[in-house]
Amino acid sequence: MRKTQNSQLDHDREKAKNVDMVNRPPHYTMGRFEVIDVLEDWAPDDPHIWTTLKYLARYKHKGAPLQDLEKARWYLDRKIAQLKKNPDTQSG
């Protein structure tokens, strides 16, 4: 049993060495599409929506799901307040 645990630890350490936290962090590359590609396509010039989507995309994968959902809500609430204040900005 101990040998199996050590083998798993060795495997996990080796996997961690190969992770590129700058260019391809696992919390943004966990699905079929890389999050940056989706964000650039869906919200290229809307930082509030961009950031909301970023936190929603990673909330299960970064270790603090509640915090990430609260951050997403903060950015979404800010966007909603912006739209209420400036109704002319509500187009597309």
Protein backbone atom coordinates (compact mmCIF):
# COMPACT_ATOMS: atom_id res chain seq x y z
CA MET A 1 0.00 0.00 0.00
CA ARG A 2 2.77 2.46 0.89
CA LYS A 3 4.47 1.83 -2.44
CA THR A 4 1.26 2.76 -4.26
CA GLN A 5 0.99 6.00 -2.26
CA ASN A 6 4.62 6.86 -3.01
CA SER A 7 4.09 6.13 -6.69
CA GLN A 8 1.08 8.45 -6.72
CA LEU A 9 3.09 11.17 -4.99
CA ASP A 10 5.88 10.80 -7.52
CA HIS A 11 3.35 10.97 -10.35
CA ASP A 12 1.72 14.10 -8.88
CA ARG A 13 5.09 15.80 -8.41
CA GLU A 14 6.13 15.02 -11.97
CA LYS A 15 2.81 16.30 -13.30
CA ALA A 16 3.17 19.52 -11.26
CA LYS A 17 6.64 20.12 -12.76
CA ASN A 18 5.12 20.05 -16.25
CA VAL A 19 2.35 22.56 -15.49
CA ASP A 20 2.81 25.95 -17.10
CA MET A 21 1.06 28.31 -14.69
CA VAL A 22 1.77 31.34 -16.90
CA ASN A 23 0.80 30.21 -20.39
CA ARG A 24 -1.58 27.29 -19.77
CA PRO A 25 -2.77 27.18 -16.15
CA PRO A 26 -4.93 24.12 -15.52
CA HIS A 27 -7.81 26.16 -14.05
CA TYR A 28 -8.24 27.82 -17.49
CA THR A 29 -7.60 24.79 -19.70
CA MET A 30 -9.90 22.22 -18.10
CA GLY A 31 -12.54 21.97 -20.81
CA ARG A 32 -12.74 21.61 -24.57
CA PHE A 33 -12.01 25.30 -25.04
CA GLU A 34 -9.36 27.42 -23.39
CA VAL A 35 -11.02 30.18 -21.37
CA ILE A 36 -8.99 32.99 -22.96
CA ASP A 37 -10.28 32.02 -26.41
CA VAL A 38 -13.89 32.12 -25.23
CA LEU A 39 -13.42 35.46 -23.46
CA GLU A 40 -11.80 37.06 -26.49
CA ASP A 41 -14.67 35.84 -28.65
CA TRP A 42 -17.58 36.63 -26.32
CA ALA A 43 -16.49 39.85 -24.58
CA PRO A 44 -13.53 41.38 -26.41
CA ASP A 45 -14.16 44.90 -25.17
CA ASP A 46 -16.21 44.48 -22.00
CA PRO A 47 -13.96 44.05 -18.95
CA HIS A 48 -16.84 43.50 -16.51
CA ILE A 49 -18.35 40.64 -18.49
CA TRP A 50 -14.89 39.28 -19.32
CA THR A 51 -13.98 39.08 -15.64
CA THR A 52 -17.38 37.70 -14.62
CA LEU A 53 -17.00 34.88 -17.15
CA LYS A 54 -13.40 34.24 -16.07
CA TYR A 55 -14.42 33.69 -12.45
CA LEU A 56 -17.39 31.53 -13.47
CA ALA A 57 -15.21 29.39 -15.70
CA ARG A 58 -12.66 28.61 -13.01
CA TYR A 59 -14.74 28.48 -9.85
CA LYS A 60 -14.60 24.69 -9.52
CA HIS A 61 -10.94 24.42 -10.48
CA LYS A 62 -8.90 26.89 -8.42
CA GLY A 63 -9.66 25.82 -4.86
CA ALA A 64 -11.93 28.62 -3.62
CA PRO A 65 -15.29 28.13 -5.37
CA LEU A 66 -17.36 30.38 -3.13
CA GLN A 67 -14.82 33.19 -3.38
CA ASP A 68 -14.69 32.94 -7.17
CA LEU A 69 -18.50 32.99 -7.41
CA GLU A 70 -18.65 36.02 -5.14
CA LYS A 71 -16.05 37.77 -7.31
CA ALA A 72 -18.07 36.93 -10.41
CA ARG A 73 -21.17 38.38 -8.77
CA TRP A 74 -19.24 41.54 -7.79
CA TYR A 75 -18.23 42.19 -11.40
CA LEU A 76 -21.69 41.34 -12.72
CA ASP A 77 -23.34 43.65 -10.18
CA ARG A 78 -20.95 46.40 -11.24
CA LYS A 79 -21.90 45.87 -14.90
CA ILE A 80 -25.61 45.95 -14.04
CA ALA A 81 -25.14 49.19 -12.09
CA GLN A 82 -23.27 50.65 -15.05
CA LEU A 83 -26.12 49.76 -17.42
CA LYS A 84 -28.74 51.20 -15.05
CA LYS A 85 -26.78 54.42 -14.76
CA ASN A 86 -26.21 54.70 -18.52
CA PRO A 87 -29.14 53.06 -20.32
CA ASP A 88 -27.72 54.19 -23.66
CA THR A 89 -24.88 51.67 -23.24
CA GLN A 90 -27.26 48.70 -23.26
CA SER A 91 -26.96 47.93 -26.95
CA GLY A 92 -25.21 44.69 -27.75
